N, C-alpha and C. Protein backbone atom coordinates (compact mmCIF):
# COMPACT_ATOMS: atom_id res chain seq x y z
N MET A 1 27.20 9.27 10.94
CA MET A 1 28.46 8.69 10.60
C MET A 1 29.24 9.64 9.74
N ILE A 2 30.50 9.76 10.04
CA ILE A 2 31.36 10.64 9.23
C ILE A 2 32.26 9.79 8.36
N ASN A 3 32.29 10.13 7.04
CA ASN A 3 33.13 9.42 6.11
C ASN A 3 34.58 9.78 6.40
N SER A 4 35.38 8.79 6.64
CA SER A 4 36.82 9.03 7.01
C SER A 4 37.62 9.63 5.89
N GLU A 5 37.21 9.47 4.66
CA GLU A 5 37.97 10.03 3.54
C GLU A 5 37.59 11.49 3.25
N THR A 6 36.32 11.82 3.39
CA THR A 6 35.87 13.16 3.04
C THR A 6 35.57 14.03 4.25
N ASN A 7 35.50 13.45 5.43
CA ASN A 7 35.15 14.10 6.67
C ASN A 7 33.74 14.76 6.60
N LYS A 8 32.91 14.23 5.76
CA LYS A 8 31.54 14.72 5.66
C LYS A 8 30.58 13.70 6.21
N PRO A 9 29.46 14.15 6.71
CA PRO A 9 28.44 13.19 7.22
C PRO A 9 27.93 12.32 6.07
N GLU A 10 27.72 11.05 6.36
CA GLU A 10 27.16 10.11 5.42
C GLU A 10 25.74 9.82 5.77
N THR A 11 24.88 9.70 4.75
CA THR A 11 23.49 9.33 5.00
C THR A 11 23.36 7.84 4.82
N VAL A 12 22.71 7.18 5.79
CA VAL A 12 22.48 5.79 5.72
C VAL A 12 21.00 5.53 5.61
N THR A 13 20.58 4.85 4.56
CA THR A 13 19.18 4.54 4.37
C THR A 13 18.96 3.09 4.71
N TYR A 14 17.90 2.89 5.51
CA TYR A 14 17.56 1.50 5.83
C TYR A 14 16.07 1.35 5.86
N PHE A 15 15.61 0.09 5.82
CA PHE A 15 14.20 -0.21 5.81
C PHE A 15 13.90 -1.09 6.99
N LYS A 16 12.88 -0.76 7.71
CA LYS A 16 12.45 -1.53 8.89
C LYS A 16 11.71 -2.73 8.40
N PRO A 17 12.11 -3.94 8.80
CA PRO A 17 11.31 -5.13 8.40
C PRO A 17 9.99 -5.18 9.13
N VAL A 18 8.91 -5.41 8.35
CA VAL A 18 7.61 -5.51 8.92
C VAL A 18 6.91 -6.75 8.35
N PRO A 19 6.05 -7.39 9.10
CA PRO A 19 5.32 -8.54 8.54
C PRO A 19 4.27 -8.06 7.56
N VAL A 20 4.18 -8.84 6.46
CA VAL A 20 3.14 -8.56 5.44
C VAL A 20 2.46 -9.88 5.09
N PHE A 21 1.27 -9.77 4.61
CA PHE A 21 0.57 -10.97 4.17
C PHE A 21 -0.36 -10.63 2.98
N ASP A 22 -0.72 -11.63 2.28
CA ASP A 22 -1.66 -11.49 1.14
C ASP A 22 -3.02 -12.01 1.52
N ILE A 23 -4.05 -11.46 0.97
CA ILE A 23 -5.42 -11.86 1.33
C ILE A 23 -5.60 -13.33 1.04
N SER A 24 -4.82 -13.93 0.11
CA SER A 24 -4.99 -15.33 -0.18
C SER A 24 -4.54 -16.22 0.97
N GLN A 25 -3.77 -15.62 1.91
CA GLN A 25 -3.30 -16.39 3.06
C GLN A 25 -4.26 -16.31 4.25
N VAL A 26 -5.41 -15.63 4.05
CA VAL A 26 -6.37 -15.45 5.14
C VAL A 26 -7.60 -16.28 4.88
N LYS A 27 -8.08 -16.94 5.92
CA LYS A 27 -9.34 -17.71 5.84
C LYS A 27 -10.33 -17.09 6.79
N ALA A 28 -11.59 -17.07 6.39
CA ALA A 28 -12.65 -16.56 7.26
C ALA A 28 -12.87 -17.49 8.40
N GLN A 29 -13.30 -17.00 9.55
CA GLN A 29 -13.68 -17.86 10.63
C GLN A 29 -14.95 -18.65 10.26
N GLU A 30 -15.06 -19.79 10.88
CA GLU A 30 -16.19 -20.64 10.58
C GLU A 30 -17.50 -19.89 10.83
N GLY A 31 -18.39 -19.94 9.81
CA GLY A 31 -19.66 -19.25 9.90
C GLY A 31 -19.63 -17.78 9.58
N LYS A 32 -18.48 -17.22 9.17
CA LYS A 32 -18.35 -15.82 8.83
C LYS A 32 -17.74 -15.67 7.41
N GLU A 33 -17.95 -14.53 6.83
CA GLU A 33 -17.34 -14.22 5.52
C GLU A 33 -16.27 -13.11 5.73
N LEU A 34 -15.28 -13.13 4.82
CA LEU A 34 -14.30 -12.05 4.84
C LEU A 34 -14.93 -10.78 4.30
N ASP A 35 -14.62 -9.66 4.87
CA ASP A 35 -15.13 -8.38 4.38
C ASP A 35 -14.14 -7.84 3.36
N LEU A 36 -14.24 -8.33 2.10
CA LEU A 36 -13.33 -7.94 1.03
C LEU A 36 -13.82 -6.70 0.32
N PRO A 37 -12.92 -5.88 -0.18
CA PRO A 37 -13.36 -4.74 -0.99
C PRO A 37 -14.04 -5.19 -2.25
N LYS A 38 -15.00 -4.38 -2.74
CA LYS A 38 -15.74 -4.71 -3.93
C LYS A 38 -14.84 -4.45 -5.13
N GLU A 39 -15.17 -5.10 -6.21
CA GLU A 39 -14.44 -4.93 -7.49
C GLU A 39 -14.51 -3.49 -7.94
N THR A 40 -13.44 -2.99 -8.49
CA THR A 40 -13.37 -1.55 -8.92
C THR A 40 -13.37 -1.42 -10.40
N SER A 41 -13.88 -2.38 -11.13
CA SER A 41 -13.83 -2.31 -12.60
C SER A 41 -14.75 -1.17 -13.14
N GLY A 42 -15.72 -0.73 -12.37
CA GLY A 42 -16.62 0.32 -12.77
C GLY A 42 -16.02 1.72 -12.70
N ILE A 43 -14.86 1.83 -12.11
CA ILE A 43 -14.20 3.16 -11.94
C ILE A 43 -13.41 3.45 -13.21
N GLN A 44 -13.60 4.64 -13.76
CA GLN A 44 -12.86 5.02 -14.96
C GLN A 44 -11.45 5.33 -14.59
N LYS A 45 -10.53 5.12 -15.55
CA LYS A 45 -9.11 5.41 -15.27
C LYS A 45 -8.86 6.89 -15.20
N GLN A 46 -9.53 7.66 -16.04
CA GLN A 46 -9.38 9.10 -16.02
C GLN A 46 -10.67 9.75 -15.51
N LEU A 47 -10.61 10.28 -14.28
CA LEU A 47 -11.79 10.95 -13.75
C LEU A 47 -11.91 12.36 -14.30
N THR A 48 -13.11 12.72 -14.65
CA THR A 48 -13.33 14.10 -15.13
C THR A 48 -14.28 14.78 -14.22
N LYS A 49 -14.45 16.09 -14.41
CA LYS A 49 -15.32 16.83 -13.54
C LYS A 49 -16.77 16.32 -13.68
N GLU A 50 -17.15 15.90 -14.89
CA GLU A 50 -18.52 15.43 -15.13
C GLU A 50 -18.75 14.16 -14.32
N VAL A 51 -17.81 13.26 -14.29
CA VAL A 51 -17.95 12.02 -13.58
C VAL A 51 -18.05 12.30 -12.08
N LEU A 52 -17.21 13.20 -11.59
CA LEU A 52 -17.26 13.53 -10.14
C LEU A 52 -18.54 14.22 -9.77
N ASP A 53 -19.10 15.03 -10.65
CA ASP A 53 -20.37 15.71 -10.35
C ASP A 53 -21.54 14.74 -10.25
N LYS A 54 -21.45 13.62 -10.92
CA LYS A 54 -22.55 12.63 -10.89
C LYS A 54 -22.60 11.93 -9.54
N SER A 55 -21.53 11.92 -8.80
CA SER A 55 -21.50 11.20 -7.50
C SER A 55 -22.30 11.85 -6.45
């Protein structure tokens, strides 16, 4: 698109709508459990070389 006042190209930013959902909206099928990620409270906020070497 060309701006009629400046005769320069205009940049148009847009976002594509996509469906999203929260895990609270999901129920497991009868007889099955949801494969949820494990709690991450054991992970330190600041990783150091020593912590990474223990892995």
